[in-house]
Amino acid sequence: PKYTWEESEGGIEVDVSIPAVKKTDLDVFLTECYLKVNYPPYLLHVDLHGEVDDSHSAALVRPDGVTFRLVKKHTGFWGKLVIEGDKRTIAERREKSVEEYR
């Protein structure tokens, strides 16, 4: 799905567009460095550039999508939403955050 994002020093807002979304069919998952939205056939994976406080962040389901309000762990501007680098390192970072979430 398409998404837009904005940031401040303390937070990130991500708007994901999904037409006619129903809460019952929506799967949203967030860790300190990973965000996932699954609403078949729409699937969005985002490996975040920095870390967020997943316990103080929120997702708001709208009729046309989902808005994430993420609280950064460390204040400052990221300049980009998605981390860049070695795919293996990014995957390991994601897997570690998912394990810590569980």
Protein backbone atom coordinates (compact mmCIF):
# COMPACT_ATOMS: atom_id res chain seq x y z
CA PRO A 1 0.00 0.00 0.00
CA LYS A 2 0.98 3.63 -0.38
CA TYR A 3 2.12 5.55 2.66
CA THR A 4 3.30 9.00 3.67
CA TRP A 5 5.23 10.05 6.73
CA GLU A 6 6.21 13.14 8.71
CA GLU A 7 8.58 13.56 11.61
CA SER A 8 9.29 15.89 14.47
CA GLU A 9 12.21 15.70 16.89
CA GLY A 10 10.20 13.47 19.19
CA GLY A 11 7.98 11.44 16.90
CA ILE A 12 6.97 10.02 13.55
CA GLU A 13 3.54 9.85 11.96
CA VAL A 14 2.98 7.28 9.22
CA ASP A 15 -0.26 7.26 7.21
CA VAL A 16 -0.93 4.02 5.33
CA SER A 17 -3.65 4.13 2.66
CA ILE A 18 -5.86 1.05 2.44
CA PRO A 19 -9.29 1.36 0.84
CA ALA A 20 -12.33 0.21 2.85
CA VAL A 21 -10.29 -1.25 5.70
CA LYS A 22 -12.08 -3.35 8.34
CA LYS A 23 -10.52 -3.74 11.79
CA THR A 24 -11.46 -7.41 11.94
CA ASP A 25 -9.35 -8.24 8.87
CA LEU A 26 -6.40 -5.97 9.69
CA ASP A 27 -3.12 -7.18 11.20
CA VAL A 28 -0.86 -4.45 12.62
CA PHE A 29 2.46 -5.18 14.30
CA LEU A 30 5.02 -2.78 15.78
CA THR A 31 8.34 -3.26 17.56
CA GLU A 32 11.02 -0.71 18.41
CA CYS A 33 12.44 -0.84 14.87
CA TYR A 34 9.85 -2.59 12.69
CA LEU A 35 6.33 -1.82 11.50
CA LYS A 36 4.02 -4.19 9.61
CA VAL A 37 0.53 -3.78 8.16
CA ASN A 38 -1.22 -6.77 6.60
CA TYR A 39 -4.63 -6.41 5.01
CA PRO A 40 -4.79 -8.87 2.11
CA PRO A 41 -3.88 -8.19 -0.60
CA TYR A 42 -2.01 -5.24 0.97
CA LEU A 43 1.21 -5.89 2.88
CA LEU A 44 3.65 -3.27 4.15
CA HIS A 45 6.93 -3.97 5.95
CA VAL A 46 9.00 -1.03 7.22
CA ASP A 47 12.36 -1.42 8.92
CA LEU A 48 12.52 1.91 10.73
CA HIS A 49 15.60 4.09 10.46
CA GLY A 50 15.74 4.57 14.24
CA GLU A 51 14.10 3.12 17.32
CA VAL A 52 10.66 3.96 18.68
CA ASP A 53 9.04 3.37 22.04
CA ASP A 54 6.48 0.78 21.00
CA SER A 55 4.76 0.89 24.41
CA HIS A 56 3.94 4.61 23.99
CA SER A 57 3.19 4.52 20.25
CA ALA A 58 -0.25 3.92 18.75
CA ALA A 59 -2.10 2.90 15.62
CA LEU A 60 -5.41 4.49 14.67
CA VAL A 61 -7.56 2.62 12.15
CA ARG A 62 -9.46 4.90 9.77
CA PRO A 63 -12.00 3.94 7.07
CA ASP A 64 -9.29 4.55 4.44
CA GLY A 65 -6.23 3.17 6.23
CA VAL A 66 -4.10 3.30 9.36
CA THR A 67 -2.23 6.15 11.04
CA PHE A 68 0.73 5.31 13.26
CA ARG A 69 1.87 7.82 15.86
CA LEU A 70 5.31 6.67 16.91
CA VAL A 71 7.32 8.06 19.81
CA LYS A 72 11.06 8.12 19.17
CA LYS A 73 13.31 6.57 21.82
CA HIS A 74 15.87 9.31 21.22
CA THR A 75 14.93 12.81 20.10
CA GLY A 76 16.31 14.14 16.86
CA PHE A 77 15.56 14.05 13.16
CA TRP A 78 16.09 10.86 11.19
CA GLY A 79 15.72 12.43 7.75
CA LYS A 80 14.33 9.15 6.39
CA LEU A 81 11.84 6.56 7.57
CA VAL A 82 13.47 3.37 6.32
CA ILE A 83 16.90 2.16 7.36
CA GLU A 84 19.43 1.49 4.62
CA GLY A 85 22.30 -0.94 4.66
CA ASP A 86 23.14 -4.61 4.53
CA LYS A 87 19.96 -6.69 4.16
CA ARG A 88 21.24 -9.41 6.45
CA THR A 89 22.08 -6.95 9.24
CA ILE A 90 18.67 -5.29 8.89
CA ALA A 91 16.90 -8.68 8.99
CA GLU A 92 18.83 -9.67 12.14
CA ARG A 93 17.89 -6.34 13.76
CA ARG A 94 14.22 -6.96 12.90
CA GLU A 95 14.27 -10.55 14.19
CA LYS A 96 15.87 -9.45 17.47
CA SER A 97 13.20 -6.79 18.02
CA VAL A 98 10.42 -9.29 17.27
CA GLU A 99 11.89 -11.77 19.77
CA GLU A 100 12.15 -9.04 22.42
CA TYR A 101 8.51 -8.10 21.77
CA ARG A 102 7.35 -11.64 22.48
